[in-house]
C-alpha atoms as a PDB file:
ATOM      1  CA  ALA A   1      46.095  16.357 -41.913  1.00  0.00           C
ATOM      2  CA  SER A   2      42.810  14.578 -41.432  1.00  0.00           C
ATOM      3  CA  GLY A   3      42.563  11.681 -39.046  1.00  0.00           C
ATOM      4  CA  LEU A   4      39.109  10.589 -40.220  1.00  0.00           C
ATOM      5  CA  PRO A   5      40.180   7.552 -42.337  1.00  0.00           C
ATOM      6  CA  LEU A   6      42.383   6.393 -39.478  1.00  0.00           C
ATOM      7  CA  THR A   7      39.519   6.892 -37.029  1.00  0.00           C
ATOM      8  CA  LEU A   8      37.360   4.656 -39.221  1.00  0.00           C
ATOM      9  CA  LEU A   9      40.078   1.982 -39.150  1.00  0.00           C
ATOM     10  CA  LEU A  10      40.083   2.154 -35.334  1.00  0.00           C
ATOM     11  CA  THR A  11      36.403   1.270 -35.350  1.00  0.00           C
ATOM     12  CA  TRP A  12      36.041  -1.072 -38.299  1.00  0.00           C
ATOM     13  CA  GLY A  13      39.523  -2.412 -39.042  1.00  0.00           C
ATOM     14  CA  ALA A  14      41.010  -5.776 -38.134  1.00  0.00           C
ATOM     15  CA  GLY A  15      43.414  -6.082 -35.178  1.00  0.00           C
ATOM     16  CA  ALA A  16      46.593  -5.218 -37.079  1.00  0.00           C
ATOM     17  CA  ALA A  17      44.885  -2.321 -38.882  1.00  0.00           C
ATOM     18  CA  LYS A  18      43.663  -0.933 -35.562  1.00  0.00           C
ATOM     19  CA  LYS A  19      47.187  -1.105 -34.140  1.00  0.00           C
ATOM     20  CA  GLN A  20      48.635   0.680 -37.168  1.00  0.00           C
ATOM     21  CA  ALA A  21      45.879   3.318 -37.146  1.00  0.00           C
ATOM     22  CA  ALA A  22      46.425   4.045 -33.443  1.00  0.00           C
ATOM     23  CA  SER A  23      50.168   4.293 -34.022  1.00  0.00           C
ATOM     24  CA  ALA A  24      49.691   6.631 -36.995  1.00  0.00           C
ATOM     25  CA  LEU A  25      47.269   8.854 -35.067  1.00  0.00           C
ATOM     26  CA  GLY A  26      49.758   9.113 -32.213  1.00  0.00           C
ATOM     27  CA  ALA A  27      52.555  10.044 -34.627  1.00  0.00           C
ATOM     28  CA  LEU A  28      50.361  12.637 -36.347  1.00  0.00           C
ATOM     29  CA  ALA A  29      49.354  14.153 -33.022  1.00  0.00           C
ATOM     30  CA  ALA A  30      52.966  14.343 -31.894  1.00  0.00           C
ATOM     31  CA  ALA A  31      54.063  16.099 -35.102  1.00  0.00           C
ATOM     32  CA  SER A  32      52.165  19.356 -34.592  1.00  0.00           C
ATOM     33  CA  LYS A  33      49.364  21.056 -32.709  1.00  0.00           C
ATOM     34  CA  ALA A  34      47.387  21.396 -35.949  1.00  0.00           C
ATOM     35  CA  ASN A  35      47.613  17.614 -36.479  1.00  0.00           C
ATOM     36  CA  ARG A  36      46.697  16.999 -32.848  1.00  0.00           C
ATOM     37  CA  ASP A  37      43.628  19.210 -33.217  1.00  0.00           C
ATOM     38  CA  ALA A  38      42.671  17.408 -36.449  1.00  0.00           C
ATOM     39  CA  VAL A  39      42.900  14.021 -34.724  1.00  0.00           C
ATOM     40  CA  VAL A  40      40.667  15.250 -31.896  1.00  0.00           C
ATOM     41  CA  GLU A  41      38.260  16.843 -34.405  1.00  0.00           C
ATOM     42  CA  ALA A  42      38.077  13.517 -36.280  1.00  0.00           C
ATOM     43  CA  GLU A  43      36.701  12.081 -33.023  1.00  0.00           C
ATOM     44  CA  ALA A  44      39.503   9.556 -32.650  1.00  0.00           C
ATOM     45  CA  VAL A  45      39.470   9.655 -28.838  1.00  0.00           C
ATOM     46  CA  PRO A  46      36.363   7.448 -28.252  1.00  0.00           C
ATOM     47  CA  PRO A  47      37.604   4.586 -30.466  1.00  0.00           C
ATOM     48  CA  LEU A  48      41.094   4.881 -28.928  1.00  0.00           C
ATOM     49  CA  LEU A  49      39.489   4.507 -25.496  1.00  0.00           C
ATOM     50  CA  SER A  50      37.525   1.507 -26.785  1.00  0.00           C
ATOM     51  CA  LEU A  51      40.750  -0.177 -27.882  1.00  0.00           C
ATOM     52  CA  LEU A  52      41.969  -0.066 -24.274  1.00  0.00           C
ATOM     53  CA  GLN A  53      39.158  -2.458 -23.362  1.00  0.00           C
ATOM     54  CA  VAL A  54      39.698  -5.081 -26.063  1.00  0.00           C
ATOM     55  CA  ASP A  55      40.329  -8.746 -25.385  1.00  0.00           C
ATOM     56  CA  LYS A  56      43.868  -8.661 -24.057  1.00  0.00           C
ATOM     57  CA  ALA A  57      44.266 -12.384 -24.679  1.00  0.00           C
ATOM     58  CA  ALA A  58      44.532 -11.670 -28.394  1.00  0.00           C
ATOM     59  CA  ALA A  59      48.001 -10.548 -29.436  1.00  0.00           C
ATOM     60  CA  ASP A  60      46.627  -8.019 -31.939  1.00  0.00           C
ATOM     61  CA  GLY A  61      44.225  -6.648 -29.319  1.00  0.00           C
ATOM     62  CA  SER A  62      46.959  -6.184 -26.759  1.00  0.00           C
ATOM     63  CA  ALA A  63      49.276  -4.483 -29.257  1.00  0.00           C
ATOM     64  CA  ALA A  64      46.448  -2.205 -30.405  1.00  0.00           C
ATOM     65  CA  ALA A  65      45.663  -1.314 -26.787  1.00  0.00           C
ATOM     66  CA  ILE A  66      49.283  -0.324 -26.176  1.00  0.00           C
ATOM     67  CA  GLU A  67      49.345   1.863 -29.305  1.00  0.00           C
ATOM     68  CA  ALA A  68      46.001   3.401 -28.324  1.00  0.00           C
ATOM     69  CA  ALA A  69      47.336   4.233 -24.855  1.00  0.00           C
ATOM     70  CA  SER A  70      50.394   5.869 -26.402  1.00  0.00           C
ATOM     71  CA  ALA A  71      48.274   7.920 -28.817  1.00  0.00           C
ATOM     72  CA  LEU A  72      45.982   8.980 -25.982  1.00  0.00           C
ATOM     73  CA  ALA A  73      48.954  10.060 -23.876  1.00  0.00           C
ATOM     74  CA  THR A  74      50.081  12.314 -26.733  1.00  0.00           C
ATOM     75  CA  LEU A  75      46.591  13.714 -27.279  1.00  0.00           C
ATOM     76  CA  LEU A  76      45.898  14.313 -23.582  1.00  0.00           C
ATOM     77  CA  SER A  77      49.204  15.994 -22.790  1.00  0.00           C
ATOM     78  CA  GLY A  78      48.450  19.582 -21.797  1.00  0.00           C
ATOM     79  CA  ASP A  79      44.826  19.516 -23.001  1.00  0.00           C
ATOM     80  CA  GLU A  80      42.717  19.971 -19.868  1.00  0.00           C
ATOM     81  CA  PRO A  81      39.319  20.039 -21.644  1.00  0.00           C
ATOM     82  CA  LEU A  82      40.143  16.755 -23.404  1.00  0.00           C
ATOM     83  CA  GLN A  83      41.429  15.290 -20.134  1.00  0.00           C
ATOM     84  CA  ALA A  84      38.107  16.204 -18.497  1.00  0.00           C
ATOM     85  CA  ALA A  85      36.207  14.582 -21.362  1.00  0.00           C
ATOM     86  CA  VAL A  86      38.219  11.368 -20.991  1.00  0.00           C
ATOM     87  CA  VAL A  87      37.515  11.322 -17.249  1.00  0.00           C
ATOM     88  CA  ALA A  88      33.803  11.819 -17.985  1.00  0.00           C
ATOM     89  CA  GLU A  89      33.901   8.850 -20.378  1.00  0.00           C
ATOM     90  CA  ASP A  90      35.514   6.675 -17.666  1.00  0.00           C
ATOM     91  CA  GLY A  91      38.690   6.545 -19.727  1.00  0.00           C
ATOM     92  CA  LEU A  92      41.013   6.626 -16.732  1.00  0.00           C
ATOM     93  CA  ALA A  93      39.525   3.357 -15.496  1.00  0.00           C
ATOM     94  CA  ALA A  94      40.433   1.759 -18.831  1.00  0.00           C
ATOM     95  CA  ILE A  95      43.968   3.155 -18.613  1.00  0.00           C
ATOM     96  CA  ALA A  96      44.342   1.890 -15.033  1.00  0.00           C
ATOM     97  CA  ALA A  97      43.067  -1.559 -16.067  1.00  0.00           C
ATOM     98  CA  LEU A  98      45.582  -1.662 -18.927  1.00  0.00           C
ATOM     99  CA  LEU A  99      48.408  -0.821 -16.495  1.00  0.00           C
ATOM    100  CA  ARG A 100      47.232  -3.443 -13.994  1.00  0.00           C
ATOM    101  CA  ASP A 101      46.748  -6.150 -16.623  1.00  0.00           C
ATOM    102  CA  GLY A 102      50.082  -5.298 -18.234  1.00  0.00           C
ATOM    103  CA  ALA A 103      51.843  -5.660 -14.896  1.00  0.00           C
ATOM    104  CA  ALA A 104      50.287  -9.067 -14.297  1.00  0.00           C
ATOM    105  CA  LYS A 105      51.139 -10.259 -17.810  1.00  0.00           C
ATOM    106  CA  ALA A 106      54.748  -9.009 -17.581  1.00  0.00           C
ATOM    107  CA  ALA A 107      55.214 -10.680 -14.204  1.00  0.00           C
ATOM    108  CA  GLY A 108      53.795 -13.955 -15.526  1.00  0.00           C
ATOM    109  CA  GLU A 109      56.071 -13.942 -18.565  1.00  0.00           C
ATOM    110  CA  ALA A 110      59.136 -13.133 -16.458  1.00  0.00           C
ATOM    111  CA  HIS A 111      58.278 -15.934 -14.048  1.00  0.00           C
ATOM    112  CA  ARG A 112      57.837 -18.385 -16.937  1.00  0.00           C
ATOM    113  CA  ARG A 113      61.256 -17.428 -18.369  1.00  0.00           C
ATOM    114  CA  ARG A 114      62.976 -17.823 -15.001  1.00  0.00           C
ATOM    115  CA  LYS A 115      61.308 -21.202 -14.501  1.00  0.00           C
ATOM    116  CA  GLU A 116      62.541 -22.326 -17.938  1.00  0.00           C
ATOM    117  CA  GLU A 117      66.033 -21.303 -16.826  1.00  0.00           C
ATOM    118  CA  GLY A 118      65.673 -23.425 -13.693  1.00  0.00           C
ATOM    119  CA  ALA A 119      65.231 -20.549 -11.229  1.00  0.00           C
ATOM    120  CA  GLU A 120      62.531 -20.637  -8.572  1.00  0.00           C
ATOM    121  CA  GLY A 121      60.177 -17.681  -8.182  1.00  0.00           C
ATOM    122  CA  PRO A 122      60.535 -14.170  -9.546  1.00  0.00           C
ATOM    123  CA  SER A 123      63.749 -12.193  -9.235  1.00  0.00           C
ATOM    124  CA  PRO A 124      63.913  -9.201  -6.862  1.00  0.00           C
ATOM    125  CA  GLU A 125      63.883  -6.878  -9.886  1.00  0.00           C
ATOM    126  CA  GLU A 126      60.736  -8.532 -11.236  1.00  0.00           C
ATOM    127  CA  LEU A 127      59.036  -8.209  -7.860  1.00  0.00           C
ATOM    128  CA  GLU A 128      59.984  -4.539  -7.632  1.00  0.00           C
ATOM    129  CA  LEU A 129      58.728  -3.833 -11.150  1.00  0.00           C
ATOM    130  CA  LYS A 130      55.448  -5.649 -10.491  1.00  0.00           C
ATOM    131  CA  GLN A 131      54.946  -3.751  -7.240  1.00  0.00           C
ATOM    132  CA  MET A 132      55.641  -0.417  -8.943  1.00  0.00           C
ATOM    133  CA  ARG A 133      53.140  -1.131 -11.743  1.00  0.00           C
ATOM    134  CA  GLU A 134      50.499  -2.243  -9.264  1.00  0.00           C
ATOM    135  CA  GLN A 135      51.034   0.946  -7.246  1.00  0.00           C
ATOM    136  CA  HIS A 136      50.624   3.067 -10.386  1.00  0.00           C
ATOM    137  CA  ALA A 137      47.423   1.232 -11.297  1.00  0.00           C
ATOM    138  CA  ALA A 138      46.112   1.628  -7.736  1.00  0.00           C
ATOM    139  CA  ALA A 139      46.918   5.348  -7.794  1.00  0.00           C
ATOM    140  CA  TRP A 140      44.959   5.790 -11.039  1.00  0.00           C
ATOM    141  CA  GLU A 141      42.036   3.838  -9.613  1.00  0.00           C
ATOM    142  CA  ALA A 142      42.079   5.894  -6.391  1.00  0.00           C
ATOM    143  CA  MET A 143      41.887   9.102  -8.424  1.00  0.00           C
ATOM    144  CA  LEU A 144      38.745   7.778 -10.089  1.00  0.00           C
ATOM    145  CA  ARG A 145      36.850   7.304  -6.850  1.00  0.00           C
END
């Protein structure tokens, strides 16, 4: 399986196409080691990392970033040379930023829903989840220093 056409979509496609390409690359990589190697050989990792840094205000951009993070997790699992390359490209900072921004967005949406329901402030579960996500993001950032 060749990931090259999908890699091109990651770079040149519209938001929805980028999301679908990232999802497809992740599924291909998860299917077999040969597919995973083909995705890496097609140089899909740099554009996947780029998707992590898109404008998160855009719904398509945020969805593409989530799919890119999932595909990267599959590709990086157990591949120390690729992990080192991602660290060298400052990819962990992008992953940490996605976690941090995702935590803030999730907390904001949960607070908005509770306010619509007439409740004041976030629930204890929402606070715990937000704290956990912030700790994970901080741990990633600390590893980068």
